[in-house]
Amino acid sequence: MRKNEYNKKLFSLISVLASIFVYTGAIAIYFYANGWRLGDSNNLFIKTGVLTVESSPFLASLYVDGESKGRTPKSVSIPIGIHSISLSRDGYVEWKKEIEIKEQKSTPIYPWLIKEKIEKEELFSLQGKKYINSWMNKDSSHIFFLVNEYLPDTLLYRYTLYRFDSNTAFWDMASNPRIVLNFELTQEPKIELLLSPNGQLAVLTLINTDSTNYYILDSTKSSTLDTLTQINLLPFASYQMSWSNNSQYLIFDSKDDLISFDITKQTRYLLIKKIEGKEYIWNTDRQGNFYRLEENFENISNESIYSFILIQTQMDGSEPNTLLTDLYFQKSQDFIMRYQQDTGSGKYLPFTNSPESTKSVGKIISFEVNQDAKGIFFETNISSYWYSIELEKYYLVSPYFSELIAFAPNNESFIFKDENGYNVFRFYKEEGDHTVDIGTKNIIDMPNTASNIRWLSNSINLSYIQDNTMYITDIEGENKVGVLNETNLNMYHTFNYSSERIFSISVLQNPDLLTNDISINSYTIH
């Protein structure tokens, strides 16, 4: 009997302890899942978040507030708040940043480390030739340089045009640079090369005292003047010539009209017949579309606003489509002053445009359509704006006159310059991502006199030149590292796709003053 009572009491005690254990475990799991952790003696429980570090290169040593946390890639749980994060690896410059950790959130960072010692390698050298000129295409993927030499036996000048590619396929065994054009002439004409944005095509112009000849150059193969396609552009001699952004059409602009020229079909199309005294603002995109702004005559009686519509056509002028009819901008500059004084993030909230909108101010002077970024950048004589094609909403980019510099490779932001300096405007973020905000942020420590500003392919770093030194910095302007000195001695600089190497072309005058030494060098920075 006593034994049964003992067993019952023991069973009850075990049941109570088990219940306590289960409830305690459930509470612990709940608090753990919500970011609570055991702290020190002063703070028994602390709120935490997760820091996730994916560095390039990996296997870098991670330190949080000076405490080692292992090697990357790494995810660690640390208390909420601002923490000093640093990464180090042998042969690389230390990376440092203040990072805010938020509760129940994962904070990812992607440090990109720069080598302490920049490795230089000469890729190409050419002596004994006369340097004529050099060019780089808009996408910075190809550098062209032209040389010649006098042949006394034949009394001819032999010209050679080289193309250097910053990126070559692994299986491409062709020389780099490669010769894309050879020809001989009895005299030395003025030679011009108008490169298409992708650098594959170009208009070659030979200007002699008594004639001007135009050719279409296909830089993907080796040619001579006899094998090039000669085109008659003399009727457009007074026009301003440029390429469409899809590299398939030439654009001829004059005070009377705007004409596109199909390179493949050798056919011209009238895009705009101009009226004297009327302004024309137009552009093209990489997908082969033409855009023009026109006055919105429905609001022409409203003297307090500028009103436009944006029309899209094919490059031959066909298939007109009105994209935007709500381009309303106040003429009075008084409206924009409140946003110049506003330091809060509210000024970057999206808005629907209307004749009554006080956020859109100024007269449009240029625009750029980026279908990959799903938006349009508008620049007025006072301020700048971003239009989201998906949301059909506008964003204020800057309440000051602005200049668009370049879109990021991931098409989530772009660099622009206004009176406050260089800035990054972010127009896209993943839902729930607390590490970025929609809107404009100034790039700290980037001087207004900086030049050659470019995105690196990772979209989190920038390069620029200041005082003959090239610097790499992250998107906020921190972790600034000088990677190349005496940039004034080089004609051009470009990067490969991985941004691990910088390429430069330099031209030195020989003592005889008749020939040059031309070299292409590679600098490994990552």
Foldseek 3Di string as FASTA:
>chain_A
DVVVVVVVVVVVVVVVVVVVVVVVVVVVVVCVLFQWDQDDPVGRIAGKAKEAEAEVVWQWFKDKQNHTDGTPRDIDIDGFAWIWIWTHDPQWDIDIDIDGGDGSYYAYDYHYTWGPDKDKDFQDKDWDWAWDDKDAAQVRQKIKTKTWDADVVVLKIKIWIWIAGQDDDPPDPDRGGDTAEIEIDNDQFDWDWAAANVRQWIWIWGDDPVDIWIWIGGSVHHDYPVPTHTADCVVLPVWDWHAANLRQWIWTDDQAFIWIAGPVVRDIATQDGDDPPDDWEWHHENVQKIKTKDFDVVCPVPPQWGFIWIWIAGNRNPDIDTQDRQLIAGADLVLLVVVVVDPDPVLFDWDAGHNPDSNHHAAWDYKDDYVLLQWMWTFGQAFIWIAHNVVRTIGGAGRGGKAWDAAALNSQWGWMQGPVGIKIAGCDDDPPNPPDDGYIAHQPPDDNPWDPWDHQLVSQKIWTDDPQWIWIAGNNNPPIDTQDHNNVQFDDWDHRNNRQKIKTWGWAADPVNRMIMIIIMIIGTD
